[in-house]
C-alpha atoms as a PDB file:
ATOM      1  CA  MET A   1     102.470 -21.282 108.105  1.00  0.00           C
ATOM      2  CA  GLU A   2      99.828 -19.172 109.611  1.00  0.00           C
ATOM      3  CA  LYS A   3     100.573 -18.068 113.165  1.00  0.00           C
ATOM      4  CA  ARG A   4      98.805 -19.198 116.190  1.00  0.00           C
ATOM      5  CA  LEU A   5      96.491 -17.289 118.295  1.00  0.00           C
ATOM      6  CA  PHE A   6      95.171 -18.124 122.016  1.00  0.00           C
ATOM      7  CA  SER A   7      92.710 -16.655 124.087  1.00  0.00           C
ATOM      8  CA  GLY A   8      90.288 -17.480 126.822  1.00  0.00           C
ATOM      9  CA  ILE A   9      86.821 -16.508 128.463  1.00  0.00           C
ATOM     10  CA  GLN A  10      85.627 -17.212 131.664  1.00  0.00           C
ATOM     11  CA  PRO A  11      82.182 -18.834 132.106  1.00  0.00           C
ATOM     12  CA  SER A  12      81.811 -17.106 135.512  1.00  0.00           C
ATOM     13  CA  GLY A  13      79.010 -14.732 134.718  1.00  0.00           C
ATOM     14  CA  ASP A  14      77.014 -13.265 131.805  1.00  0.00           C
ATOM     15  CA  ILE A  15      79.366 -12.045 128.790  1.00  0.00           C
ATOM     16  CA  HIS A  16      79.329  -8.290 129.036  1.00  0.00           C
ATOM     17  CA  LEU A  17      79.672  -5.196 127.027  1.00  0.00           C
ATOM     18  CA  GLY A  18      83.644  -5.216 128.225  1.00  0.00           C
ATOM     19  CA  ASN A  19      84.278  -8.736 127.074  1.00  0.00           C
ATOM     20  CA  TYR A  20      82.498  -7.694 123.617  1.00  0.00           C
ATOM     21  CA  LEU A  21      84.353  -4.347 122.905  1.00  0.00           C
ATOM     22  CA  GLY A  22      87.675  -5.728 124.473  1.00  0.00           C
ATOM     23  CA  ALA A  23      87.759  -9.307 123.388  1.00  0.00           C
ATOM     24  CA  LEU A  24      85.101 -10.461 121.113  1.00  0.00           C
ATOM     25  CA  LYS A  25      85.021  -8.199 118.387  1.00  0.00           C
ATOM     26  CA  ASN A  26      88.723  -8.573 118.252  1.00  0.00           C
ATOM     27  CA  TRP A  27      88.738 -12.022 118.339  1.00  0.00           C
ATOM     28  CA  VAL A  28      86.179 -12.194 115.229  1.00  0.00           C
ATOM     29  CA  ALA A  29      88.729  -9.886 113.258  1.00  0.00           C
ATOM     30  CA  LEU A  30      91.630 -11.871 114.114  1.00  0.00           C
ATOM     31  CA  THR A  31      90.383 -15.203 113.158  1.00  0.00           C
ATOM     32  CA  LYS A  32      91.007 -13.912 109.421  1.00  0.00           C
ATOM     33  CA  GLU A  33      94.649 -13.695 109.879  1.00  0.00           C
ATOM     34  CA  TYR A  34      95.656 -16.173 112.746  1.00  0.00           C
ATOM     35  CA  ASP A  35      95.103 -19.788 113.346  1.00  0.00           C
ATOM     36  CA  SER A  36      92.719 -18.959 116.436  1.00  0.00           C
ATOM     37  CA  ILE A  37      91.958 -21.133 119.362  1.00  0.00           C
ATOM     38  CA  PHE A  38      89.466 -19.829 121.798  1.00  0.00           C
ATOM     39  CA  SER A  39      88.788 -21.642 125.145  1.00  0.00           C
ATOM     40  CA  VAL A  40      86.441 -21.589 128.017  1.00  0.00           C
ATOM     41  CA  VAL A  41      88.598 -21.224 130.756  1.00  0.00           C
ATOM     42  CA  ASP A  42      86.433 -23.157 133.541  1.00  0.00           C
ATOM     43  CA  TYR A  43      89.694 -23.868 135.584  1.00  0.00           C
ATOM     44  CA  HIS A  44      90.295 -20.324 136.006  1.00  0.00           C
ATOM     45  CA  ALA A  45      86.623 -19.714 136.985  1.00  0.00           C
ATOM     46  CA  ILE A  46      86.739 -21.783 140.051  1.00  0.00           C
ATOM     47  CA  THR A  47      89.487 -19.655 141.767  1.00  0.00           C
ATOM     48  CA  ILE A  48      86.803 -17.448 143.081  1.00  0.00           C
ATOM     49  CA  PRO A  49      83.485 -18.616 144.520  1.00  0.00           C
ATOM     50  CA  TYR A  50      80.939 -20.101 142.235  1.00  0.00           C
ATOM     51  CA  ASP A  51      77.760 -22.432 141.885  1.00  0.00           C
ATOM     52  CA  PRO A  52      78.727 -25.685 140.803  1.00  0.00           C
ATOM     53  CA  SER A  53      75.416 -26.731 139.773  1.00  0.00           C
ATOM     54  CA  VAL A  54      75.185 -24.143 137.079  1.00  0.00           C
ATOM     55  CA  MET A  55      78.861 -24.306 135.887  1.00  0.00           C
ATOM     56  CA  GLN A  56      77.758 -26.603 132.742  1.00  0.00           C
ATOM     57  CA  GLN A  57      75.016 -24.282 131.529  1.00  0.00           C
ATOM     58  CA  LYS A  58      77.416 -21.153 131.917  1.00  0.00           C
ATOM     59  CA  ILE A  59      79.858 -23.015 129.836  1.00  0.00           C
ATOM     60  CA  LEU A  60      77.475 -23.446 126.877  1.00  0.00           C
ATOM     61  CA  ASP A  61      76.101 -19.904 127.446  1.00  0.00           C
ATOM     62  CA  ALA A  62      79.637 -18.565 127.043  1.00  0.00           C
ATOM     63  CA  VAL A  63      79.973 -20.650 123.676  1.00  0.00           C
ATOM     64  CA  ALA A  64      76.886 -19.469 122.416  1.00  0.00           C
ATOM     65  CA  VAL A  65      77.429 -15.908 123.248  1.00  0.00           C
ATOM     66  CA  CYS A  66      80.906 -16.041 121.234  1.00  0.00           C
ATOM     67  CA  ILE A  67      79.122 -17.754 118.544  1.00  0.00           C
ATOM     68  CA  ALA A  68      76.133 -15.474 118.358  1.00  0.00           C
ATOM     69  CA  ALA A  69      78.941 -12.209 118.545  1.00  0.00           C
ATOM     70  CA  GLY A  70      80.561 -13.735 115.286  1.00  0.00           C
ATOM     71  CA  LEU A  71      83.040 -16.599 116.140  1.00  0.00           C
ATOM     72  CA  ASP A  72      82.614 -18.762 113.240  1.00  0.00           C
ATOM     73  CA  PRO A  73      83.478 -22.852 114.321  1.00  0.00           C
ATOM     74  CA  ASN A  74      84.654 -23.043 110.809  1.00  0.00           C
ATOM     75  CA  ASN A  75      87.203 -20.688 111.064  1.00  0.00           C
ATOM     76  CA  CYS A  76      88.328 -21.190 114.538  1.00  0.00           C
ATOM     77  CA  THR A  77      88.715 -23.489 117.241  1.00  0.00           C
ATOM     78  CA  LEU A  78      86.772 -23.685 120.339  1.00  0.00           C
ATOM     79  CA  PHE A  79      86.855 -26.005 123.279  1.00  0.00           C
ATOM     80  CA  ILE A  80      86.749 -26.430 127.224  1.00  0.00           C
ATOM     81  CA  GLN A  81      89.925 -25.941 128.875  1.00  0.00           C
ATOM     82  CA  SER A  82      89.316 -28.644 131.635  1.00  0.00           C
ATOM     83  CA  THR A  83      88.869 -31.049 128.696  1.00  0.00           C
ATOM     84  CA  VAL A  84      92.485 -31.051 127.934  1.00  0.00           C
ATOM     85  CA  PRO A  85      94.212 -32.211 131.069  1.00  0.00           C
ATOM     86  CA  GLU A  86      97.588 -31.150 129.492  1.00  0.00           C
ATOM     87  CA  HIS A  87      96.957 -27.444 130.655  1.00  0.00           C
ATOM     88  CA  THR A  88      97.200 -28.248 134.190  1.00  0.00           C
ATOM     89  CA  GLU A  89     100.314 -30.959 133.850  1.00  0.00           C
ATOM     90  CA  LEU A  90     102.246 -27.883 132.327  1.00  0.00           C
ATOM     91  CA  ALA A  91     100.932 -25.500 134.709  1.00  0.00           C
ATOM     92  CA  TRP A  92     102.925 -27.337 137.292  1.00  0.00           C
ATOM     93  CA  ILE A  93     106.127 -27.806 135.508  1.00  0.00           C
ATOM     94  CA  LEU A  94     105.841 -24.103 134.580  1.00  0.00           C
ATOM     95  CA  GLY A  95     105.371 -23.406 138.030  1.00  0.00           C
ATOM     96  CA  THR A  96     109.158 -24.833 138.829  1.00  0.00           C
ATOM     97  CA  VAL A  97     110.599 -22.011 136.850  1.00  0.00           C
ATOM     98  CA  THR A  98     108.130 -19.169 138.113  1.00  0.00           C
ATOM     99  CA  ARG A  99     109.650 -16.959 141.263  1.00  0.00           C
ATOM    100  CA  MET A 100     107.281 -15.958 143.933  1.00  0.00           C
ATOM    101  CA  GLY A 101     107.915 -12.638 143.815  1.00  0.00           C
ATOM    102  CA  ASP A 102     106.650 -12.202 140.141  1.00  0.00           C
ATOM    103  CA  LEU A 103     103.268 -13.677 141.368  1.00  0.00           C
ATOM    104  CA  GLU A 104     102.909 -11.566 144.317  1.00  0.00           C
ATOM    105  CA  ARG A 105     103.218  -8.506 142.356  1.00  0.00           C
ATOM    106  CA  MET A 106     100.770  -9.301 139.806  1.00  0.00           C
ATOM    107  CA  THR A 107      97.830  -6.560 139.918  1.00  0.00           C
ATOM    108  CA  GLN A 108      94.986  -8.607 139.015  1.00  0.00           C
ATOM    109  CA  TYR A 109      96.090 -11.231 142.246  1.00  0.00           C
ATOM    110  CA  LYS A 110      96.004  -7.834 144.649  1.00  0.00           C
ATOM    111  CA  GLN A 111      92.820  -6.931 143.429  1.00  0.00           C
ATOM    112  CA  LYS A 112      90.840 -10.349 143.992  1.00  0.00           C
ATOM    113  CA  SER A 113      92.380 -10.922 147.021  1.00  0.00           C
ATOM    114  CA  GLN A 114      90.937  -7.741 148.352  1.00  0.00           C
ATOM    115  CA  GLN A 115      87.638  -8.589 146.609  1.00  0.00           C
ATOM    116  CA  PHE A 116      87.337 -12.000 147.948  1.00  0.00           C
ATOM    117  CA  ASN A 117      89.440 -11.724 151.082  1.00  0.00           C
ATOM    118  CA  GLN A 118      87.852 -14.754 152.697  1.00  0.00           C
ATOM    119  CA  ASN A 119      89.057 -17.058 150.075  1.00  0.00           C
ATOM    120  CA  ILE A 120      92.716 -16.087 149.053  1.00  0.00           C
ATOM    121  CA  ASN A 121      93.617 -19.583 147.664  1.00  0.00           C
ATOM    122  CA  LEU A 122      96.765 -21.030 145.783  1.00  0.00           C
ATOM    123  CA  GLY A 123      94.730 -21.122 142.591  1.00  0.00           C
ATOM    124  CA  LEU A 124      94.188 -17.564 142.580  1.00  0.00           C
ATOM    125  CA  PHE A 125      97.738 -17.006 143.354  1.00  0.00           C
ATOM    126  CA  ALA A 126      98.875 -19.281 140.903  1.00  0.00           C
ATOM    127  CA  TYR A 127      96.556 -18.151 138.134  1.00  0.00           C
ATOM    128  CA  PRO A 128      99.020 -16.468 135.595  1.00  0.00           C
ATOM    129  CA  VAL A 129     101.016 -19.823 135.647  1.00  0.00           C
ATOM    130  CA  LEU A 130      98.040 -21.803 134.192  1.00  0.00           C
ATOM    131  CA  GLN A 131      97.195 -18.696 132.285  1.00  0.00           C
ATOM    132  CA  ALA A 132     100.757 -19.135 130.632  1.00  0.00           C
ATOM    133  CA  ALA A 133     100.202 -22.704 130.223  1.00  0.00           C
ATOM    134  CA  ASP A 134      97.261 -21.890 128.411  1.00  0.00           C
ATOM    135  CA  ILE A 135      98.995 -20.308 126.047  1.00  0.00           C
ATOM    136  CA  VAL A 136     102.296 -21.981 125.391  1.00  0.00           C
ATOM    137  CA  ILE A 137     100.883 -25.625 125.114  1.00  0.00           C
ATOM    138  CA  TYR A 138      99.721 -24.439 121.672  1.00  0.00           C
ATOM    139  CA  LYS A 139     102.835 -22.665 120.936  1.00  0.00           C
ATOM    140  CA  ALA A 140     100.701 -19.516 120.128  1.00  0.00           C
ATOM    141  CA  GLU A 141     102.548 -16.460 119.259  1.00  0.00           C
ATOM    142  CA  ALA A 142      99.868 -13.841 119.802  1.00  0.00           C
ATOM    143  CA  VAL A 143      97.510 -13.439 122.295  1.00  0.00           C
ATOM    144  CA  PRO A 144      94.897 -10.716 122.047  1.00  0.00           C
ATOM    145  CA  VAL A 145      94.128  -8.789 125.390  1.00  0.00           C
ATOM    146  CA  GLY A 146      93.049  -6.010 126.994  1.00  0.00           C
ATOM    147  CA  GLU A 147      95.238  -3.765 128.645  1.00  0.00           C
ATOM    148  CA  ASP A 148      94.961  -4.898 132.023  1.00  0.00           C
ATOM    149  CA  GLN A 149      95.963  -8.354 130.979  1.00  0.00           C
ATOM    150  CA  VAL A 150      99.282  -7.131 129.372  1.00  0.00           C
ATOM    151  CA  GLN A 151     101.364  -7.786 132.746  1.00  0.00           C
ATOM    152  CA  HIS A 152     100.122 -11.587 132.625  1.00  0.00           C
ATOM    153  CA  ILE A 153     101.472 -11.686 128.832  1.00  0.00           C
ATOM    154  CA  GLU A 154     104.755 -10.077 130.150  1.00  0.00           C
ATOM    155  CA  LEU A 155     104.877 -12.737 133.114  1.00  0.00           C
ATOM    156  CA  THR A 156     104.253 -15.577 130.344  1.00  0.00           C
ATOM    157  CA  ARG A 157     107.080 -14.138 128.137  1.00  0.00           C
ATOM    158  CA  GLU A 158     109.499 -14.470 131.440  1.00  0.00           C
ATOM    159  CA  ILE A 159     108.364 -17.611 132.292  1.00  0.00           C
ATOM    160  CA  VAL A 160     109.129 -19.080 128.712  1.00  0.00           C
ATOM    161  CA  ARG A 161     112.567 -17.352 128.724  1.00  0.00           C
ATOM    162  CA  LYS A 162     113.176 -18.990 131.837  1.00  0.00           C
ATOM    163  CA  PHE A 163     111.907 -22.283 130.675  1.00  0.00           C
ATOM    164  CA  ASN A 164     114.160 -22.019 127.455  1.00  0.00           C
ATOM    165  CA  ALA A 165     117.340 -21.159 129.088  1.00  0.00           C
ATOM    166  CA  THR A 166     116.982 -24.023 131.457  1.00  0.00           C
ATOM    167  CA  PHE A 167     115.994 -26.845 129.330  1.00  0.00           C
ATOM    168  CA  GLY A 168     116.337 -25.652 125.860  1.00  0.00           C
ATOM    169  CA  ASP A 169     114.481 -23.768 123.052  1.00  0.00           C
ATOM    170  CA  THR A 170     110.855 -25.147 123.398  1.00  0.00           C
ATOM    171  CA  PHE A 171     108.287 -22.287 123.370  1.00  0.00           C
ATOM    172  CA  PRO A 172     107.827 -19.200 121.325  1.00  0.00           C
ATOM    173  CA  GLU A 173     107.600 -15.942 123.168  1.00  0.00           C
ATOM    174  CA  PRO A 174     103.860 -14.633 122.682  1.00  0.00           C
ATOM    175  CA  GLN A 175     103.178 -11.184 121.981  1.00  0.00           C
ATOM    176  CA  ALA A 176     100.267  -9.292 123.233  1.00  0.00           C
ATOM    177  CA  VAL A 177      97.766  -7.897 120.803  1.00  0.00           C
ATOM    178  CA  LEU A 178      95.991  -5.155 121.859  1.00  0.00           C
ATOM    179  CA  GLY A 179      92.673  -4.340 120.043  1.00  0.00           C
ATOM    180  CA  LYS A 180      90.928  -0.878 119.825  1.00  0.00           C
ATOM    181  CA  ALA A 181      89.277  -1.072 123.242  1.00  0.00           C
ATOM    182  CA  ARG A 182      91.778  -1.155 125.380  1.00  0.00           C
ATOM    183  CA  ARG A 183      90.168  -0.788 128.889  1.00  0.00           C
ATOM    184  CA  ILE A 184      86.482  -0.429 129.104  1.00  0.00           C
ATOM    185  CA  LEU A 185      85.101   1.040 132.405  1.00  0.00           C
ATOM    186  CA  GLY A 186      82.019   0.007 134.314  1.00  0.00           C
ATOM    187  CA  LEU A 187      78.624   1.888 134.755  1.00  0.00           C
ATOM    188  CA  ASP A 188      79.858   3.508 138.035  1.00  0.00           C
ATOM    189  CA  GLY A 189      82.811   5.215 135.785  1.00  0.00           C
ATOM    190  CA  GLN A 190      85.566   4.168 138.171  1.00  0.00           C
ATOM    191  CA  ALA A 191      86.213   0.339 137.929  1.00  0.00           C
ATOM    192  CA  LYS A 192      86.705  -1.909 135.034  1.00  0.00           C
ATOM    193  CA  MET A 193      83.714  -3.435 133.513  1.00  0.00           C
ATOM    194  CA  SER A 194      83.584  -6.640 135.445  1.00  0.00           C
ATOM    195  CA  LYS A 195      80.940  -9.376 136.192  1.00  0.00           C
ATOM    196  CA  SER A 196      82.362  -9.557 139.883  1.00  0.00           C
ATOM    197  CA  MET A 197      82.007  -5.924 140.299  1.00  0.00           C
ATOM    198  CA  GLY A 198      78.375  -5.643 139.230  1.00  0.00           C
ATOM    199  CA  ASN A 199      78.640  -2.772 136.866  1.00  0.00           C
ATOM    200  CA  THR A 200      78.123  -4.428 133.405  1.00  0.00           C
ATOM    201  CA  ILE A 201      75.824  -4.581 130.425  1.00  0.00           C
ATOM    202  CA  SER A 202      75.230  -7.896 129.401  1.00  0.00           C
ATOM    203  CA  LEU A 203      74.965  -9.134 125.573  1.00  0.00           C
ATOM    204  CA  THR A 204      71.772 -10.704 126.462  1.00  0.00           C
ATOM    205  CA  GLU A 205      69.824  -8.371 128.534  1.00  0.00           C
ATOM    206  CA  PRO A 206      66.580  -7.015 127.003  1.00  0.00           C
ATOM    207  CA  ALA A 207      66.697  -3.623 125.450  1.00  0.00           C
ATOM    208  CA  GLN A 208      64.563  -1.907 128.323  1.00  0.00           C
ATOM    209  CA  VAL A 209      67.099  -3.301 130.965  1.00  0.00           C
ATOM    210  CA  ILE A 210      70.009  -1.915 128.633  1.00  0.00           C
ATOM    211  CA  GLN A 211      68.419   1.462 128.569  1.00  0.00           C
ATOM    212  CA  MET A 212      67.552   1.547 132.463  1.00  0.00           C
ATOM    213  CA  LYS A 213      70.984   0.365 133.386  1.00  0.00           C
ATOM    214  CA  LEU A 214      72.634   3.360 131.143  1.00  0.00           C
ATOM    215  CA  ASN A 215      70.211   5.848 132.750  1.00  0.00           C
ATOM    216  CA  LYS A 216      71.693   4.942 136.090  1.00  0.00           C
ATOM    217  CA  ALA A 217      75.317   5.132 134.782  1.00  0.00           C
ATOM    218  CA  VAL A 218      77.636   7.750 136.155  1.00  0.00           C
ATOM    219  CA  THR A 219      78.774  10.686 133.825  1.00  0.00           C
ATOM    220  CA  ASP A 220      80.734  13.922 134.141  1.00  0.00           C
ATOM    221  CA  PRO A 221      80.595  14.172 138.115  1.00  0.00           C
ATOM    222  CA  ALA A 222      80.790  18.132 138.026  1.00  0.00           C
ATOM    223  CA  ARG A 223      77.530  18.597 135.815  1.00  0.00           C
ATOM    224  CA  ILE A 224      74.922  18.476 138.287  1.00  0.00           C
ATOM    225  CA  ARG A 225      71.768  20.348 136.311  1.00  0.00           C
ATOM    226  CA  ARG A 226      71.131  20.060 133.131  1.00  0.00           C
ATOM    227  CA  THR A 227      72.108  23.535 132.420  1.00  0.00           C
ATOM    228  CA  ASP A 228      75.760  22.904 133.664  1.00  0.00           C
ATOM    229  CA  PRO A 229      78.070  22.483 130.947  1.00  0.00           C
ATOM    230  CA  GLY A 230      79.833  19.146 130.656  1.00  0.00           C
ATOM    231  CA  ASN A 231      83.044  18.019 129.902  1.00  0.00           C
ATOM    232  CA  PRO A 232      83.005  14.794 127.574  1.00  0.00           C
ATOM    233  CA  GLU A 233      86.433  13.684 128.276  1.00  0.00           C
ATOM    234  CA  ILE A 234      85.866  12.925 131.670  1.00  0.00           C
ATOM    235  CA  CYS A 235      82.520  11.149 130.974  1.00  0.00           C
ATOM    236  CA  ASN A 236      82.206   7.460 130.831  1.00  0.00           C
ATOM    237  CA  ILE A 237      79.248   7.388 128.422  1.00  0.00           C
ATOM    238  CA  PHE A 238      80.681   9.453 126.101  1.00  0.00           C
ATOM    239  CA  SER A 239      83.678   7.121 126.131  1.00  0.00           C
ATOM    240  CA  LEU A 240      81.241   4.414 125.035  1.00  0.00           C
ATOM    241  CA  HIS A 241      80.031   6.623 122.123  1.00  0.00           C
ATOM    242  CA  GLN A 242      83.529   6.033 120.755  1.00  0.00           C
ATOM    243  CA  TYR A 243      82.807   2.363 119.863  1.00  0.00           C
ATOM    244  CA  PHE A 244      78.448   2.509 118.947  1.00  0.00           C
ATOM    245  CA  SER A 245      77.983   6.130 117.767  1.00  0.00           C
ATOM    246  CA  SER A 246      79.147   7.881 113.926  1.00  0.00           C
ATOM    247  CA  GLU A 247      81.711  10.397 113.845  1.00  0.00           C
ATOM    248  CA  ASP A 248      79.331  13.067 113.274  1.00  0.00           C
ATOM    249  CA  GLU A 249      77.215  11.906 116.332  1.00  0.00           C
ATOM    250  CA  ILE A 250      80.319  12.001 118.211  1.00  0.00           C
ATOM    251  CA  ASN A 251      81.460  15.360 117.031  1.00  0.00           C
ATOM    252  CA  HIS A 252      77.825  16.785 118.094  1.00  0.00           C
ATOM    253  CA  ILE A 253      77.216  15.481 121.167  1.00  0.00           C
ATOM    254  CA  SER A 254      80.937  16.560 122.540  1.00  0.00           C
ATOM    255  CA  PHE A 255      79.932  20.229 121.319  1.00  0.00           C
ATOM    256  CA  GLU A 256      76.595  20.229 122.575  1.00  0.00           C
ATOM    257  CA  CYS A 257      77.611  18.749 125.802  1.00  0.00           C
ATOM    258  CA  ARG A 258      80.264  21.459 126.159  1.00  0.00           C
ATOM    259  CA  ARG A 259      77.631  24.324 125.903  1.00  0.00           C
ATOM    260  CA  ALA A 260      74.782  22.439 127.802  1.00  0.00           C
ATOM    261  CA  GLY A 261      73.080  21.982 124.449  1.00  0.00           C
ATOM    262  CA  ILE A 262      72.348  18.502 125.457  1.00  0.00           C
ATOM    263  CA  GLY A 263      71.919  16.687 128.956  1.00  0.00           C
ATOM    264  CA  CYS A 264      73.035  13.517 130.090  1.00  0.00           C
ATOM    265  CA  ILE A 265      69.811  11.579 129.621  1.00  0.00           C
ATOM    266  CA  ASP A 266      69.672  12.570 126.082  1.00  0.00           C
ATOM    267  CA  CYS A 267      73.219  11.425 125.563  1.00  0.00           C
ATOM    268  CA  LYS A 268      72.512   8.169 127.261  1.00  0.00           C
ATOM    269  CA  LYS A 269      69.522   7.539 125.143  1.00  0.00           C
ATOM    270  CA  ILE A 270      71.103   8.266 121.839  1.00  0.00           C
ATOM    271  CA  LEU A 271      73.970   5.297 123.261  1.00  0.00           C
ATOM    272  CA  GLY A 272      71.417   3.142 124.310  1.00  0.00           C
ATOM    273  CA  GLU A 273      69.454   3.161 120.638  1.00  0.00           C
ATOM    274  CA  HIS A 274      73.164   2.188 119.466  1.00  0.00           C
ATOM    275  CA  ILE A 275      74.183  -0.378 121.804  1.00  0.00           C
ATOM    276  CA  ILE A 276      70.238  -2.291 121.470  1.00  0.00           C
ATOM    277  CA  ALA A 277      70.857  -2.234 117.392  1.00  0.00           C
ATOM    278  CA  GLU A 278      74.242  -3.815 117.657  1.00  0.00           C
ATOM    279  CA  LEU A 279      73.189  -6.351 120.491  1.00  0.00           C
ATOM    280  CA  SER A 280      69.863  -7.215 119.691  1.00  0.00           C
ATOM    281  CA  PRO A 281      70.656  -9.505 116.816  1.00  0.00           C
ATOM    282  CA  ILE A 282      73.590 -11.201 118.764  1.00  0.00           C
ATOM    283  CA  ASN A 283      71.007 -11.531 122.010  1.00  0.00           C
ATOM    284  CA  GLU A 284      68.216 -13.351 119.214  1.00  0.00           C
ATOM    285  CA  THR A 285      70.777 -15.798 117.577  1.00  0.00           C
ATOM    286  CA  TYR A 286      72.084 -16.353 121.535  1.00  0.00           C
ATOM    287  CA  GLN A 287      68.549 -17.108 122.455  1.00  0.00           C
ATOM    288  CA  THR A 288      68.032 -19.651 119.930  1.00  0.00           C
ATOM    289  CA  MET A 289      71.687 -21.399 119.844  1.00  0.00           C
ATOM    290  CA  ARG A 290      71.748 -21.737 123.874  1.00  0.00           C
ATOM    291  CA  HIS A 291      69.189 -24.215 123.801  1.00  0.00           C
ATOM    292  CA  ASP A 292      70.811 -26.637 121.209  1.00  0.00           C
ATOM    293  CA  HIS A 293      73.265 -28.353 123.498  1.00  0.00           C
ATOM    294  CA  ASP A 294      73.957 -31.083 121.103  1.00  0.00           C
ATOM    295  CA  TYR A 295      75.178 -28.440 118.409  1.00  0.00           C
ATOM    296  CA  LEU A 296      77.137 -26.784 120.917  1.00  0.00           C
ATOM    297  CA  ARG A 297      78.712 -30.038 122.391  1.00  0.00           C
ATOM    298  CA  GLN A 298      79.460 -31.232 119.135  1.00  0.00           C
ATOM    299  CA  ILE A 299      81.803 -27.943 118.288  1.00  0.00           C
ATOM    300  CA  LEU A 300      83.407 -28.271 121.258  1.00  0.00           C
ATOM    301  CA  GLU A 301      84.365 -31.996 121.279  1.00  0.00           C
ATOM    302  CA  THR A 302      85.634 -31.145 117.797  1.00  0.00           C
ATOM    303  CA  GLY A 303      87.841 -28.545 119.305  1.00  0.00           C
ATOM    304  CA  SER A 304      88.713 -30.599 122.150  1.00  0.00           C
ATOM    305  CA  GLN A 305      89.885 -33.598 119.961  1.00  0.00           C
ATOM    306  CA  ARG A 306      92.371 -31.097 118.037  1.00  0.00           C
ATOM    307  CA  CYS A 307      93.633 -29.115 120.940  1.00  0.00           C
ATOM    308  CA  ARG A 308      94.284 -32.668 122.699  1.00  0.00           C
ATOM    309  CA  THR A 309      96.502 -33.636 119.712  1.00  0.00           C
ATOM    310  CA  ILE A 310      98.528 -30.709 119.529  1.00  0.00           C
ATOM    311  CA  ALA A 311      98.832 -30.475 123.905  1.00  0.00           C
ATOM    312  CA  GLN A 312      99.977 -33.973 123.675  1.00  0.00           C
ATOM    313  CA  GLU A 313     102.756 -33.345 121.194  1.00  0.00           C
ATOM    314  CA  THR A 314     103.923 -30.349 123.001  1.00  0.00           C
ATOM    315  CA  MET A 315     103.774 -32.445 126.337  1.00  0.00           C
ATOM    316  CA  ALA A 316     105.752 -35.097 125.046  1.00  0.00           C
ATOM    317  CA  THR A 317     108.649 -32.762 123.918  1.00  0.00           C
ATOM    318  CA  VAL A 318     108.369 -31.123 127.404  1.00  0.00           C
ATOM    319  CA  ARG A 319     108.609 -34.209 129.430  1.00  0.00           C
ATOM    320  CA  GLU A 320     111.583 -35.092 127.347  1.00  0.00           C
ATOM    321  CA  LYS A 321     113.451 -31.872 128.056  1.00  0.00           C
ATOM    322  CA  ILE A 322     112.802 -31.978 131.481  1.00  0.00           C
ATOM    323  CA  GLY A 323     114.061 -35.661 131.974  1.00  0.00           C
ATOM    324  CA  LEU A 324     110.502 -37.202 132.678  1.00  0.00           C
ATOM    325  CA  ARG A 325     109.915 -39.056 129.660  1.00  0.00           C
END
C-alpha cells in the first residue's frame, strides 16, 4: 500500500521563492512516491492580522500557483483546510494531551509573538496542535518540511505518542521529509524568506521586478567596493545560485568573486536571468489559470470530498477510543 504524505501552504500572501525551493519543488517530486495530500491551510492563516475581503481570492491564487509550479491534480489531492471541519474537532481532542510547556517552547510561536505583539492569540499559541491534527487525521506517515518546521513535526510525534499511550494505538508517528533546500534566507540575508517579513521574491512577479529586488539584496557585508575580494560562503546571493545556476557557473562565480574578478551586480544579473527563466513559465500559467475559478473550485471540491471521507473515518475511530461514540 502506498504511504501517505501531507503538507500545507498558507494563503496569507504571494507564494515566494522560499516556498518554491523549500516546499513546492519537493512536493512535485514526492507525488511520484506517495499518496500525496496538500492543503491550503486557511485556518492557520487567520492567526495573524489579515483582510477577510481578499481571503477567497488568495486561496484560489495559492492553488493556481501550486498547479502552475507542477502539482498535477491527477497525481495528488488538493483541498481547503476549512472545508473539512474534522480538522478542528481533532485539534481540540489532541489539545487535551498536549502540554502547555511544549507549546511555549515553540520557536515559531516566540517569533510570531514578537512580530505581532498586539495580537498574541490562542490560535497562534495552539497553531502546532492544529498542524498536528492536519497531519494525523489522514494518518500521514511523511511530512515534507523545511528545517524551521522540524520542531513542529517532533511535537506532532510527541502528541501522537501521548494519544496512543492514553487511548490505544490510533495514529502512526509521521516523519519529517527534508528536501535539498533546508532554509532559504530572505533578500535581507538575515531572516528566513517570509511573506510577513517582506524579504521575498514572489513567483508571480514580473521579470523587471525580480531583477530590481535582487539588485537591492544584501550580499557579503564586508565587500564594500567592486575591487574588494568577496567571500561567497557568507553571501546569500551566492547561496541562491546553488538552486538556479549550473555547477560550472557556480565554480566560476566562486573563483571570480574571491579574487574580485566579478562584482556583486554581475553576480546578481546572472542569478536574475536564471530565476526569471525558471519562473516565467510558472507565472504565465498562473496568470491564465487564476481567473478560471470554476476549474480551481472543481479541483478543490473533488479534493475536499476525498479528504472528508478519510477524516470522518478517522474521527469515528477517535471518538470511540476516547469514549465519545
